[in-house]
Amino acid sequence: MSIHKEGVFTLVLSFVILAIANGLVYIYAKPAFPFFLFITIGLYIFLISFFRNPDRSIADFQEDIVLSPCDGKVVVIEETEEGEYLKDKRIQVSIFMSPLNVHVNRHPVSGTIEFYKYHPGKYLAAWNPKSSTENERTTTVYSNSNGKLLVRQIAGALARRIVCYAQKGEQVQQGNELGFIKFGSRMDLFFPLGTKIDVKIGDVVKGNVTTIAKFV
């Protein structure tokens, strides 16, 4: 397991700030120093855990399989109208990522990036239905022989930065990194009607491991 590149600056800066804070507490409030040190060590361990990047290599690629793009819990499965780009009825599957989950986002399928757009926005709680259209978010549309798949990264109440590496026209490989969302978030996937959904609400999924759906 390694530390994701998006976390290196945050971890270095946090270490410096926490070290200085501990030094000041030791000098000016020594009786409180052991407790403060314990709290800051716990906080730093959490930050290291948040930016972890486990090896999730894929041994067997299958074009009709859609892998989970992230770790988290399935919170929505419903038929809905996708109004930004596809403008048709779709099956929406939403995955909520808590701050304890791995926050690396991965390409759920191979194909061409047909569309990409970043949207600035609000920071509503990730489980709020309006977060899909009002929060800071990105929209990425994959095109391959199975059709089009729209994936949306959505910032949550704590998240303040979405990183997405997708570029329009790019050929991508299933399992490679799509991006990273910092501190709590959600991902929505919009499948063609008729797609076989292999998860149910409440399921815990793992990026590059859990099969979310199969194209038919």
N, C-alpha and C. Protein backbone atom coordinates (compact mmCIF):
# COMPACT_ATOMS: atom_id res chain seq x y z
N MET A 1 0.84 -1.20 0.00
CA MET A 1 0.00 0.00 0.00
C MET A 1 0.88 1.24 0.00
N SER A 2 0.44 2.27 -0.73
CA SER A 2 1.21 3.51 -0.82
C SER A 2 0.31 4.69 -0.48
N ILE A 3 0.94 5.87 -0.43
CA ILE A 3 0.20 7.12 -0.22
C ILE A 3 -0.09 7.74 -1.58
N HIS A 4 -1.34 8.15 -1.79
CA HIS A 4 -1.70 8.75 -3.08
C HIS A 4 -1.00 10.09 -3.24
N LYS A 5 -0.65 10.41 -4.49
CA LYS A 5 0.08 11.64 -4.76
C LYS A 5 -0.69 12.89 -4.34
N GLU A 6 -2.03 12.81 -4.34
CA GLU A 6 -2.83 13.97 -3.95
C GLU A 6 -2.72 14.27 -2.45
N GLY A 7 -2.19 13.32 -1.68
CA GLY A 7 -2.09 13.53 -0.25
C GLY A 7 -0.72 13.97 0.24
N VAL A 8 0.29 13.94 -0.64
CA VAL A 8 1.66 14.22 -0.19
C VAL A 8 1.78 15.63 0.40
N PHE A 9 1.30 16.64 -0.32
CA PHE A 9 1.42 18.02 0.18
C PHE A 9 0.64 18.18 1.48
N THR A 10 -0.58 17.64 1.53
CA THR A 10 -1.41 17.75 2.74
C THR A 10 -0.72 17.11 3.93
N LEU A 11 -0.11 15.95 3.73
CA LEU A 11 0.55 15.25 4.83
C LEU A 11 1.80 15.99 5.31
N VAL A 12 2.57 16.52 4.38
CA VAL A 12 3.77 17.27 4.77
C VAL A 12 3.38 18.54 5.53
N LEU A 13 2.42 19.28 4.98
CA LEU A 13 1.98 20.52 5.64
C LEU A 13 1.38 20.22 7.01
N SER A 14 0.57 19.20 7.09
CA SER A 14 -0.05 18.84 8.36
C SER A 14 0.99 18.45 9.40
N PHE A 15 2.01 17.72 8.97
CA PHE A 15 3.08 17.32 9.89
C PHE A 15 3.79 18.54 10.47
N VAL A 16 4.09 19.50 9.61
CA VAL A 16 4.77 20.71 10.06
C VAL A 16 3.90 21.49 11.04
N ILE A 17 2.62 21.67 10.69
CA ILE A 17 1.70 22.42 11.56
C ILE A 17 1.53 21.74 12.90
N LEU A 18 1.32 20.42 12.89
CA LEU A 18 1.11 19.69 14.13
C LEU A 18 2.38 19.66 14.99
N ALA A 19 3.55 19.58 14.34
CA ALA A 19 4.81 19.61 15.09
C ALA A 19 4.99 20.95 15.79
N ILE A 20 4.70 22.03 15.08
CA ILE A 20 4.81 23.37 15.68
C ILE A 20 3.81 23.52 16.82
N ALA A 21 2.58 23.05 16.61
CA ALA A 21 1.55 23.15 17.65
C ALA A 21 1.96 22.37 18.90
N ASN A 22 2.51 21.19 18.69
CA ASN A 22 2.96 20.40 19.84
C ASN A 22 4.10 21.08 20.58
N GLY A 23 5.00 21.70 19.82
CA GLY A 23 6.10 22.43 20.46
C GLY A 23 5.60 23.58 21.31
N LEU A 24 4.62 24.32 20.79
CA LEU A 24 4.07 25.45 21.54
C LEU A 24 3.34 24.98 22.80
N VAL A 25 2.59 23.89 22.67
CA VAL A 25 1.89 23.36 23.85
C VAL A 25 2.89 22.89 24.90
N TYR A 26 3.96 22.25 24.44
CA TYR A 26 4.98 21.77 25.38
C TYR A 26 5.63 22.94 26.13
N ILE A 27 5.84 24.05 25.44
CA ILE A 27 6.50 25.21 26.06
C ILE A 27 5.54 25.96 26.99
N TYR A 28 4.32 26.20 26.53
CA TYR A 28 3.42 27.10 27.25
C TYR A 28 2.32 26.39 28.06
N ALA A 29 2.09 25.12 27.82
CA ALA A 29 1.04 24.41 28.56
C ALA A 29 1.46 22.95 28.76
N LYS A 30 2.60 22.78 29.39
CA LYS A 30 3.21 21.45 29.49
C LYS A 30 2.30 20.39 30.09
N PRO A 31 1.49 20.70 31.10
CA PRO A 31 0.62 19.65 31.66
C PRO A 31 -0.35 19.05 30.63
N ALA A 32 -0.73 19.86 29.64
CA ALA A 32 -1.67 19.38 28.63
C ALA A 32 -0.97 18.68 27.47
N PHE A 33 0.35 18.69 27.47
CA PHE A 33 1.10 18.19 26.31
C PHE A 33 0.83 16.71 26.01
N PRO A 34 0.84 15.79 26.99
CA PRO A 34 0.60 14.37 26.65
C PRO A 34 -0.75 14.15 25.96
N PHE A 35 -1.80 14.80 26.48
CA PHE A 35 -3.12 14.66 25.87
C PHE A 35 -3.13 15.24 24.46
N PHE A 36 -2.54 16.42 24.29
CA PHE A 36 -2.52 17.06 22.97
C PHE A 36 -1.72 16.22 21.98
N LEU A 37 -0.60 15.66 22.43
CA LEU A 37 0.22 14.81 21.56
C LEU A 37 -0.58 13.58 21.11
N PHE A 38 -1.31 12.98 22.02
CA PHE A 38 -2.12 11.80 21.70
C PHE A 38 -3.16 12.14 20.63
N ILE A 39 -3.84 13.29 20.80
CA ILE A 39 -4.87 13.70 19.85
C ILE A 39 -4.26 13.97 18.47
N THR A 40 -3.14 14.67 18.42
CA THR A 40 -2.54 15.03 17.12
C THR A 40 -1.97 13.80 16.41
N ILE A 41 -1.44 12.85 17.17
CA ILE A 41 -0.96 11.61 16.54
C ILE A 41 -2.14 10.86 15.93
N GLY A 42 -3.26 10.80 16.66
CA GLY A 42 -4.45 10.15 16.13
C GLY A 42 -4.95 10.83 14.86
N LEU A 43 -4.93 12.17 14.86
CA LEU A 43 -5.35 12.92 13.68
C LEU A 43 -4.45 12.64 12.49
N TYR A 44 -3.16 12.56 12.75
CA TYR A 44 -2.22 12.34 11.64
C TYR A 44 -2.35 10.92 11.09
N ILE A 45 -2.59 9.96 11.97
CA ILE A 45 -2.82 8.58 11.50
C ILE A 45 -4.07 8.53 10.62
N PHE A 46 -5.12 9.28 11.00
CA PHE A 46 -6.32 9.34 10.18
C PHE A 46 -6.00 9.91 8.79
N LEU A 47 -5.20 10.98 8.73
CA LEU A 47 -4.85 11.58 7.44
C LEU A 47 -4.08 10.60 6.57
N ILE A 48 -3.15 9.87 7.18
CA ILE A 48 -2.39 8.86 6.42
C ILE A 48 -3.35 7.81 5.87
N SER A 49 -4.29 7.37 6.70
CA SER A 49 -5.26 6.36 6.27
C SER A 49 -6.14 6.89 5.14
N PHE A 50 -6.54 8.17 5.24
CA PHE A 50 -7.43 8.73 4.23
C PHE A 50 -6.77 8.74 2.86
N PHE A 51 -5.48 9.03 2.81
CA PHE A 51 -4.79 9.14 1.52
C PHE A 51 -4.12 7.84 1.09
N ARG A 52 -4.50 6.72 1.71
CA ARG A 52 -3.91 5.44 1.31
C ARG A 52 -4.35 5.07 -0.10
N ASN A 53 -3.48 4.36 -0.77
CA ASN A 53 -3.75 3.97 -2.16
C ASN A 53 -3.39 2.49 -2.33
N PRO A 54 -4.32 1.59 -1.95
CA PRO A 54 -4.02 0.16 -2.04
C PRO A 54 -3.89 -0.31 -3.49
N ASP A 55 -3.09 -1.33 -3.68
CA ASP A 55 -2.92 -1.92 -5.01
C ASP A 55 -4.19 -2.69 -5.36
N ARG A 56 -4.85 -2.27 -6.42
CA ARG A 56 -6.08 -2.94 -6.87
C ARG A 56 -5.94 -3.32 -8.35
N SER A 57 -4.84 -3.96 -8.69
CA SER A 57 -4.61 -4.34 -10.08
C SER A 57 -5.67 -5.32 -10.55
N ILE A 58 -6.01 -5.23 -11.83
CA ILE A 58 -7.02 -6.11 -12.42
C ILE A 58 -6.32 -7.17 -13.25
N ALA A 59 -6.63 -8.43 -12.98
CA ALA A 59 -5.97 -9.52 -13.69
C ALA A 59 -6.72 -9.91 -14.96
N ASP A 60 -8.05 -9.77 -14.94
CA ASP A 60 -8.86 -10.26 -16.06
C ASP A 60 -9.88 -9.19 -16.46
N PHE A 61 -9.64 -8.53 -17.60
CA PHE A 61 -10.54 -7.48 -18.08
C PHE A 61 -11.71 -8.12 -18.83
N GLN A 62 -12.93 -7.65 -18.53
CA GLN A 62 -14.12 -8.12 -19.22
C GLN A 62 -14.92 -6.91 -19.68
N GLU A 63 -15.13 -6.79 -20.97
CA GLU A 63 -15.74 -5.58 -21.53
C GLU A 63 -17.18 -5.36 -21.08
N ASP A 64 -17.88 -6.44 -20.74
CA ASP A 64 -19.29 -6.28 -20.37
C ASP A 64 -19.48 -6.05 -18.88
N ILE A 65 -18.39 -6.03 -18.12
CA ILE A 65 -18.46 -5.85 -16.67
C ILE A 65 -18.14 -4.40 -16.30
N VAL A 66 -18.94 -3.83 -15.39
CA VAL A 66 -18.67 -2.49 -14.84
C VAL A 66 -18.20 -2.66 -13.41
N LEU A 67 -16.97 -2.29 -13.14
CA LEU A 67 -16.43 -2.40 -11.79
C LEU A 67 -16.73 -1.14 -10.99
N SER A 68 -16.78 -1.28 -9.67
CA SER A 68 -17.01 -0.11 -8.84
C SER A 68 -15.86 0.88 -9.01
N PRO A 69 -16.17 2.17 -9.19
CA PRO A 69 -15.12 3.18 -9.35
C PRO A 69 -14.54 3.64 -8.02
N CYS A 70 -15.10 3.14 -6.88
CA CYS A 70 -14.65 3.63 -5.58
C CYS A 70 -15.06 2.66 -4.49
N ASP A 71 -14.54 2.88 -3.29
CA ASP A 71 -14.98 2.16 -2.10
C ASP A 71 -16.14 2.92 -1.47
N GLY A 72 -17.09 2.21 -0.88
CA GLY A 72 -18.18 2.90 -0.21
C GLY A 72 -19.41 2.02 -0.06
N LYS A 73 -20.56 2.66 0.14
CA LYS A 73 -21.83 1.96 0.32
C LYS A 73 -22.83 2.42 -0.74
N VAL A 74 -23.55 1.48 -1.32
CA VAL A 74 -24.58 1.80 -2.31
C VAL A 74 -25.77 2.42 -1.57
N VAL A 75 -26.13 3.64 -1.96
CA VAL A 75 -27.22 4.34 -1.27
C VAL A 75 -28.41 4.64 -2.18
N VAL A 76 -28.23 4.54 -3.49
CA VAL A 76 -29.33 4.81 -4.42
C VAL A 76 -29.26 3.82 -5.58
N ILE A 77 -30.39 3.22 -5.93
CA ILE A 77 -30.57 2.49 -7.19
C ILE A 77 -31.96 2.85 -7.68
N GLU A 78 -32.05 3.60 -8.77
CA GLU A 78 -33.36 4.03 -9.24
C GLU A 78 -33.30 4.43 -10.71
N GLU A 79 -34.46 4.39 -11.35
CA GLU A 79 -34.56 4.89 -12.72
C GLU A 79 -34.79 6.39 -12.66
N THR A 80 -34.04 7.12 -13.46
CA THR A 80 -34.12 8.57 -13.41
C THR A 80 -33.82 9.16 -14.79
N GLU A 81 -34.04 10.45 -14.91
CA GLU A 81 -33.72 11.17 -16.16
C GLU A 81 -32.37 11.84 -15.99
N GLU A 82 -31.43 11.54 -16.88
CA GLU A 82 -30.12 12.20 -16.84
C GLU A 82 -30.20 13.41 -17.75
N GLY A 83 -30.19 14.60 -17.16
CA GLY A 83 -30.49 15.80 -17.93
C GLY A 83 -29.32 16.64 -18.37
N GLU A 84 -28.11 16.29 -17.96
CA GLU A 84 -26.97 17.14 -18.33
C GLU A 84 -26.44 16.86 -19.73
N TYR A 85 -26.19 15.61 -20.03
CA TYR A 85 -25.54 15.27 -21.31
C TYR A 85 -26.30 14.20 -22.08
N LEU A 86 -26.62 13.09 -21.44
CA LEU A 86 -27.27 11.98 -22.15
C LEU A 86 -28.72 12.30 -22.48
N LYS A 87 -29.39 13.02 -21.56
CA LYS A 87 -30.77 13.49 -21.76
C LYS A 87 -31.71 12.34 -22.14
N ASP A 88 -31.64 11.27 -21.36
CA ASP A 88 -32.57 10.15 -21.52
C ASP A 88 -32.73 9.45 -20.18
N LYS A 89 -33.59 8.46 -20.15
CA LYS A 89 -33.80 7.71 -18.91
C LYS A 89 -32.64 6.75 -18.69
N ARG A 90 -32.22 6.67 -17.43
CA ARG A 90 -31.08 5.85 -17.05
C ARG A 90 -31.34 5.15 -15.72
N ILE A 91 -30.55 4.14 -15.42
CA ILE A 91 -30.53 3.54 -14.09
C ILE A 91 -29.39 4.20 -13.32
N GLN A 92 -29.72 4.88 -12.25
CA GLN A 92 -28.71 5.55 -11.44
C GLN A 92 -28.33 4.66 -10.25
N VAL A 93 -27.02 4.49 -10.07
CA VAL A 93 -26.48 3.83 -8.89
C VAL A 93 -25.53 4.81 -8.22
N SER A 94 -25.78 5.10 -6.94
CA SER A 94 -24.96 6.07 -6.20
C SER A 94 -24.22 5.36 -5.07
N ILE A 95 -22.95 5.72 -4.92
CA ILE A 95 -22.09 5.13 -3.89
C ILE A 95 -21.59 6.25 -2.98
N PHE A 96 -21.87 6.12 -1.69
CA PHE A 96 -21.42 7.11 -0.71
C PHE A 96 -20.09 6.67 -0.12
N MET A 97 -19.13 7.60 -0.08
CA MET A 97 -17.81 7.36 0.50
C MET A 97 -17.69 8.12 1.81
N SER A 98 -17.51 7.42 2.91
CA SER A 98 -17.28 8.07 4.19
C SER A 98 -15.81 8.47 4.29
N PRO A 99 -15.45 9.33 5.24
CA PRO A 99 -14.03 9.70 5.40
C PRO A 99 -13.12 8.52 5.70
N LEU A 100 -13.68 7.38 6.10
CA LEU A 100 -12.86 6.21 6.41
C LEU A 100 -12.57 5.35 5.19
N ASN A 101 -13.27 5.60 4.08
CA ASN A 101 -13.06 4.81 2.86
C ASN A 101 -11.82 5.27 2.11
N VAL A 102 -11.28 4.35 1.29
CA VAL A 102 -10.29 4.74 0.28
C VAL A 102 -10.97 5.71 -0.67
N HIS A 103 -10.32 6.83 -0.98
CA HIS A 103 -10.95 7.86 -1.81
C HIS A 103 -10.35 7.98 -3.22
N VAL A 104 -9.57 6.99 -3.61
CA VAL A 104 -9.10 6.92 -5.00
C VAL A 104 -10.28 6.54 -5.88
N ASN A 105 -10.48 7.24 -6.99
CA ASN A 105 -11.54 6.92 -7.95
C ASN A 105 -10.92 6.30 -9.19
N ARG A 106 -11.56 5.27 -9.72
CA ARG A 106 -10.98 4.52 -10.84
C ARG A 106 -11.98 4.41 -12.00
N HIS A 107 -11.44 4.22 -13.20
CA HIS A 107 -12.31 4.06 -14.38
C HIS A 107 -13.06 2.74 -14.26
N PRO A 108 -14.41 2.78 -14.28
CA PRO A 108 -15.18 1.54 -14.13
C PRO A 108 -15.21 0.68 -15.39
N VAL A 109 -14.93 1.31 -16.53
CA VAL A 109 -14.91 0.59 -17.82
C VAL A 109 -13.76 1.14 -18.66
N SER A 110 -13.43 0.41 -19.70
CA SER A 110 -12.49 0.92 -20.71
C SER A 110 -13.29 1.62 -21.80
N GLY A 111 -12.65 2.54 -22.51
CA GLY A 111 -13.33 3.22 -23.61
C GLY A 111 -12.76 4.59 -23.88
N THR A 112 -13.53 5.38 -24.61
CA THR A 112 -13.14 6.75 -24.97
C THR A 112 -13.90 7.73 -24.08
N ILE A 113 -13.20 8.74 -23.59
CA ILE A 113 -13.87 9.81 -22.84
C ILE A 113 -14.56 10.71 -23.85
N GLU A 114 -15.87 10.56 -23.96
CA GLU A 114 -16.64 11.32 -24.94
C GLU A 114 -16.94 12.74 -24.46
N PHE A 115 -17.05 12.90 -23.13
CA PHE A 115 -17.44 14.19 -22.56
C PHE A 115 -16.86 14.31 -21.17
N TYR A 116 -16.38 15.50 -20.84
CA TYR A 116 -15.92 15.77 -19.48
C TYR A 116 -16.22 17.22 -19.14
N LYS A 117 -16.71 17.44 -17.92
CA LYS A 117 -16.95 18.82 -17.48
C LYS A 117 -16.86 18.90 -15.96
N TYR A 118 -16.23 19.98 -15.49
CA TYR A 118 -16.16 20.28 -14.06
C TYR A 118 -17.19 21.35 -13.73
N HIS A 119 -17.93 21.14 -12.64
CA HIS A 119 -18.95 22.10 -12.20
C HIS A 119 -18.61 22.59 -10.80
N PRO A 120 -18.35 23.87 -10.61
CA PRO A 120 -18.28 24.39 -9.24
C PRO A 120 -19.67 24.35 -8.63
N GLY A 121 -19.77 24.37 -7.31
CA GLY A 121 -21.10 24.31 -6.72
C GLY A 121 -21.08 24.34 -5.21
N LYS A 122 -22.19 23.87 -4.62
CA LYS A 122 -22.37 23.89 -3.18
C LYS A 122 -21.68 22.68 -2.54
N TYR A 123 -21.83 22.57 -1.21
CA TYR A 123 -21.27 21.44 -0.48
C TYR A 123 -22.34 20.85 0.45
N LEU A 124 -23.45 20.47 -0.17
CA LEU A 124 -24.51 19.79 0.58
C LEU A 124 -24.02 18.41 1.01
N ALA A 125 -24.66 17.84 2.03
CA ALA A 125 -24.31 16.49 2.43
C ALA A 125 -24.44 15.55 1.24
N ALA A 126 -23.50 14.61 1.11
CA ALA A 126 -23.43 13.77 -0.09
C ALA A 126 -24.67 12.92 -0.28
N TRP A 127 -25.41 12.61 0.81
CA TRP A 127 -26.63 11.79 0.65
C TRP A 127 -27.85 12.62 0.28
N ASN A 128 -27.72 13.94 0.24
CA ASN A 128 -28.82 14.81 -0.18
C ASN A 128 -29.06 14.62 -1.68
N PRO A 129 -30.29 14.31 -2.12
CA PRO A 129 -30.55 14.11 -3.55
C PRO A 129 -30.13 15.29 -4.42
N LYS A 130 -30.19 16.52 -3.88
CA LYS A 130 -29.82 17.70 -4.65
C LYS A 130 -28.32 17.80 -4.89
N SER A 131 -27.52 17.02 -4.13
CA SER A 131 -26.06 17.12 -4.29
C SER A 131 -25.62 16.72 -5.69
N SER A 132 -26.39 15.84 -6.34
CA SER A 132 -26.03 15.36 -7.68
C SER A 132 -26.05 16.46 -8.73
N THR A 133 -26.86 17.51 -8.49
CA THR A 133 -26.99 18.58 -9.48
C THR A 133 -26.55 19.95 -8.95
N GLU A 134 -26.34 20.08 -7.62
CA GLU A 134 -26.01 21.39 -7.06
C GLU A 134 -24.63 21.48 -6.43
N ASN A 135 -24.03 20.34 -6.07
CA ASN A 135 -22.71 20.37 -5.44
C ASN A 135 -21.58 20.53 -6.45
N GLU A 136 -20.39 20.85 -5.94
CA GLU A 136 -19.20 20.75 -6.78
C GLU A 136 -19.12 19.33 -7.31
N ARG A 137 -18.86 19.17 -8.61
CA ARG A 137 -18.91 17.84 -9.20
C ARG A 137 -18.19 17.81 -10.55
N THR A 138 -17.92 16.63 -11.01
CA THR A 138 -17.43 16.44 -12.38
C THR A 138 -18.35 15.45 -13.07
N THR A 139 -18.43 15.55 -14.38
CA THR A 139 -19.19 14.60 -15.19
C THR A 139 -18.26 14.02 -16.25
N THR A 140 -18.18 12.69 -16.29
CA THR A 140 -17.35 12.00 -17.27
C THR A 140 -18.21 10.98 -17.99
N VAL A 141 -18.18 11.00 -19.32
CA VAL A 141 -18.97 10.05 -20.11
C VAL A 141 -18.03 9.14 -20.88
N TYR A 142 -18.18 7.83 -20.65
CA TYR A 142 -17.40 6.82 -21.35
C TYR A 142 -18.22 6.28 -22.52
N SER A 143 -17.56 6.04 -23.63
CA SER A 143 -18.20 5.45 -24.79
C SER A 143 -17.40 4.23 -25.24
N ASN A 144 -18.09 3.09 -25.39
CA ASN A 144 -17.44 1.88 -25.92
C ASN A 144 -18.49 1.05 -26.65
N SER A 145 -18.15 -0.18 -26.97
CA SER A 145 -19.06 -1.01 -27.78
C SER A 145 -20.36 -1.34 -27.05
N ASN A 146 -20.39 -1.15 -25.73
CA ASN A 146 -21.59 -1.43 -24.95
C ASN A 146 -22.50 -0.21 -24.82
N GLY A 147 -22.07 0.93 -25.32
CA GLY A 147 -22.87 2.14 -25.22
C GLY A 147 -22.17 3.22 -24.42
N LYS A 148 -22.94 4.05 -23.74
CA LYS A 148 -22.39 5.18 -22.99
C LYS A 148 -22.68 5.00 -21.50
N LEU A 149 -21.68 5.32 -20.69
CA LEU A 149 -21.80 5.28 -19.23
C LEU A 149 -21.38 6.64 -18.69
N LEU A 150 -22.27 7.28 -17.92
CA LEU A 150 -21.94 8.57 -17.32
C LEU A 150 -21.59 8.35 -15.84
N VAL A 151 -20.47 8.92 -15.43
CA VAL A 151 -20.01 8.82 -14.04
C VAL A 151 -19.82 10.23 -13.50
N ARG A 152 -20.33 10.45 -12.30
CA ARG A 152 -20.26 11.79 -11.70
C ARG A 152 -19.56 11.71 -10.34
N GLN A 153 -18.48 12.45 -10.17
CA GLN A 153 -17.85 12.64 -8.86
C GLN A 153 -18.55 13.81 -8.18
N ILE A 154 -18.95 13.65 -6.92
CA ILE A 154 -19.70 14.69 -6.22
C ILE A 154 -19.05 14.98 -4.88
N ALA A 155 -18.74 16.24 -4.63
CA ALA A 155 -18.18 16.63 -3.34
C ALA A 155 -19.27 16.57 -2.28
N GLY A 156 -18.87 16.28 -1.04
CA GLY A 156 -19.80 16.25 0.08
C GLY A 156 -19.66 17.47 0.95
N ALA A 157 -20.26 17.41 2.14
CA ALA A 157 -20.25 18.55 3.06
C ALA A 157 -18.84 18.88 3.52
N LEU A 158 -17.97 17.85 3.63
CA LEU A 158 -16.60 18.08 4.07
C LEU A 158 -15.63 18.26 2.91
N ALA A 159 -15.98 17.70 1.76
CA ALA A 159 -15.06 17.76 0.62
C ALA A 159 -14.96 19.18 0.07
N ARG A 160 -13.76 19.58 -0.28
CA ARG A 160 -13.56 20.90 -0.85
C ARG A 160 -12.67 20.87 -2.09
N ARG A 161 -12.38 19.67 -2.58
CA ARG A 161 -11.58 19.59 -3.79
C ARG A 161 -11.77 18.25 -4.47
N ILE A 162 -12.22 18.32 -5.71
CA ILE A 162 -12.32 17.13 -6.55
C ILE A 162 -11.19 17.17 -7.56
N VAL A 163 -10.49 16.05 -7.70
CA VAL A 163 -9.44 15.92 -8.70
C VAL A 163 -9.91 14.90 -9.72
N CYS A 164 -9.87 15.26 -11.00
CA CYS A 164 -10.25 14.33 -12.07
C CYS A 164 -9.20 14.42 -13.17
N TYR A 165 -8.70 13.27 -13.60
CA TYR A 165 -7.65 13.23 -14.62
C TYR A 165 -8.20 13.00 -16.03
N ALA A 166 -9.51 12.83 -16.17
CA ALA A 166 -10.09 12.54 -17.48
C ALA A 166 -9.96 13.72 -18.42
N GLN A 167 -9.73 13.42 -19.69
CA GLN A 167 -9.67 14.44 -20.74
C GLN A 167 -10.48 13.96 -21.93
N LYS A 168 -11.26 14.88 -22.49
CA LYS A 168 -12.11 14.52 -23.62
C LYS A 168 -11.28 13.95 -24.77
N GLY A 169 -11.74 12.83 -25.33
CA GLY A 169 -11.06 12.18 -26.45
C GLY A 169 -10.03 11.16 -26.04
N GLU A 170 -9.74 11.08 -24.76
CA GLU A 170 -8.72 10.16 -24.25
C GLU A 170 -9.23 8.72 -24.24
N GLN A 171 -8.35 7.78 -24.58
CA GLN A 171 -8.65 6.36 -24.45
C GLN A 171 -8.19 5.91 -23.07
N VAL A 172 -9.10 5.31 -22.29
CA VAL A 172 -8.74 4.93 -20.93
C VAL A 172 -8.94 3.43 -20.73
N GLN A 173 -8.24 2.90 -19.74
CA GLN A 173 -8.30 1.48 -19.41
C GLN A 173 -9.02 1.28 -18.09
N GLN A 174 -9.93 0.34 -18.07
CA GLN A 174 -10.65 0.00 -16.84
C GLN A 174 -9.66 -0.24 -15.71
N GLY A 175 -9.95 0.37 -14.55
CA GLY A 175 -9.12 0.16 -13.37
C GLY A 175 -8.07 1.20 -13.13
N ASN A 176 -7.69 1.96 -14.19
CA ASN A 176 -6.72 3.03 -13.99
C ASN A 176 -7.38 4.20 -13.25
N GLU A 177 -6.56 5.10 -12.74
CA GLU A 177 -7.09 6.16 -11.90
C GLU A 177 -7.88 7.21 -12.68
N LEU A 178 -9.08 7.48 -12.19
CA LEU A 178 -9.91 8.57 -12.70
C LEU A 178 -9.65 9.85 -11.93
N GLY A 179 -9.44 9.74 -10.61
CA GLY A 179 -9.21 10.93 -9.82
C GLY A 179 -9.26 10.64 -8.33
N PHE A 180 -9.56 11.70 -7.57
CA PHE A 180 -9.54 11.62 -6.10
C PHE A 180 -10.47 12.70 -5.57
N ILE A 181 -11.23 12.37 -4.51
CA ILE A 181 -12.08 13.37 -3.86
C ILE A 181 -11.68 13.44 -2.39
N LYS A 182 -11.45 14.64 -1.89
CA LYS A 182 -10.93 14.78 -0.53
C LYS A 182 -12.05 14.93 0.50
N PHE A 183 -12.03 14.02 1.50
CA PHE A 183 -12.82 14.14 2.73
C PHE A 183 -14.34 14.01 2.55
N GLY A 184 -14.78 12.82 2.20
CA GLY A 184 -16.21 12.53 2.17
C GLY A 184 -16.88 12.94 0.88
N SER A 185 -17.58 12.04 0.24
CA SER A 185 -18.07 12.34 -1.10
C SER A 185 -18.98 11.22 -1.61
N ARG A 186 -19.30 11.31 -2.89
CA ARG A 186 -20.23 10.36 -3.48
C ARG A 186 -19.92 10.24 -4.97
N MET A 187 -20.24 9.08 -5.55
CA MET A 187 -20.14 8.89 -7.00
C MET A 187 -21.46 8.34 -7.52
N ASP A 188 -21.94 8.91 -8.62
CA ASP A 188 -23.15 8.45 -9.30
C ASP A 188 -22.76 7.82 -10.63
N LEU A 189 -23.38 6.70 -10.95
CA LEU A 189 -23.21 6.06 -12.25
C LEU A 189 -24.57 5.98 -12.92
N PHE A 190 -24.62 6.30 -14.22
CA PHE A 190 -25.89 6.29 -14.97
C PHE A 190 -25.77 5.28 -16.11
N PHE A 191 -26.49 4.16 -15.94
CA PHE A 191 -26.42 3.04 -16.88
C PHE A 191 -27.57 3.07 -17.87
N PRO A 192 -27.37 2.51 -19.07
CA PRO A 192 -28.49 2.35 -20.01
C PRO A 192 -29.57 1.48 -19.39
N LEU A 193 -30.83 1.76 -19.72
CA LEU A 193 -31.92 0.90 -19.27
C LEU A 193 -31.68 -0.52 -19.78
N GLY A 194 -31.98 -1.50 -18.96
CA GLY A 194 -31.75 -2.89 -19.33
C GLY A 194 -30.45 -3.45 -18.80
N THR A 195 -29.56 -2.57 -18.30
CA THR A 195 -28.32 -3.05 -17.70
C THR A 195 -28.63 -3.89 -16.46
N LYS A 196 -27.94 -4.99 -16.29
CA LYS A 196 -28.15 -5.86 -15.13
C LYS A 196 -27.35 -5.30 -13.95
N ILE A 197 -28.03 -4.80 -12.94
CA ILE A 197 -27.38 -4.25 -11.76
C ILE A 197 -27.09 -5.38 -10.78
N ASP A 198 -25.84 -5.52 -10.36
CA ASP A 198 -25.42 -6.64 -9.53
C ASP A 198 -25.25 -6.28 -8.06
N VAL A 199 -25.68 -5.09 -7.66
CA VAL A 199 -25.61 -4.69 -6.25
C VAL A 199 -27.01 -4.27 -5.80
N LYS A 200 -27.16 -4.13 -4.50
CA LYS A 200 -28.43 -3.64 -3.93
C LYS A 200 -28.11 -2.55 -2.92
N ILE A 201 -29.11 -1.76 -2.56
CA ILE A 201 -28.92 -0.68 -1.60
C ILE A 201 -28.41 -1.26 -0.27
N GLY A 202 -27.38 -0.62 0.26
CA GLY A 202 -26.77 -1.08 1.50
C GLY A 202 -25.52 -1.90 1.31
N ASP A 203 -25.28 -2.38 0.08
CA ASP A 203 -24.07 -3.17 -0.18
C ASP A 203 -22.82 -2.31 -0.02
N VAL A 204 -21.79 -2.89 0.57
CA VAL A 204 -20.48 -2.25 0.67
C VAL A 204 -19.64 -2.71 -0.51
N VAL A 205 -19.09 -1.78 -1.27
CA VAL A 205 -18.37 -2.10 -2.50
C VAL A 205 -16.92 -1.63 -2.40
N LYS A 206 -16.07 -2.23 -3.23
CA LYS A 206 -14.65 -1.87 -3.27
C LYS A 206 -14.26 -1.54 -4.71
N GLY A 207 -13.55 -0.44 -4.88
CA GLY A 207 -13.10 -0.02 -6.20
C GLY A 207 -12.20 -1.06 -6.84
N ASN A 208 -12.47 -1.35 -8.13
CA ASN A 208 -11.70 -2.32 -8.93
C ASN A 208 -11.90 -3.76 -8.47
N VAL A 209 -12.81 -3.99 -7.52
CA VAL A 209 -13.05 -5.35 -7.02
C VAL A 209 -14.50 -5.76 -7.23
N THR A 210 -15.44 -4.93 -6.79
CA THR A 210 -16.85 -5.28 -6.83
C THR A 210 -17.43 -5.01 -8.22
N THR A 211 -18.17 -5.98 -8.75
CA THR A 211 -18.90 -5.78 -10.00
C THR A 211 -20.20 -5.05 -9.68
N ILE A 212 -20.36 -3.86 -10.26
CA ILE A 212 -21.57 -3.06 -10.06
C ILE A 212 -22.68 -3.50 -11.01
N ALA A 213 -22.30 -3.78 -12.26
CA ALA A 213 -23.32 -4.09 -13.25
C ALA A 213 -22.71 -4.87 -14.42
N LYS A 214 -23.61 -5.46 -15.22
CA LYS A 214 -23.20 -6.14 -16.45
C LYS A 214 -24.04 -5.59 -17.59
N PHE A 215 -23.39 -5.24 -18.69
CA PHE A 215 -24.11 -4.82 -19.89
C PHE A 215 -24.74 -6.04 -20.54
N VAL A 216 -25.94 -5.88 -21.07
CA VAL A 216 -26.63 -6.99 -21.72
C VAL A 216 -27.04 -6.59 -23.14
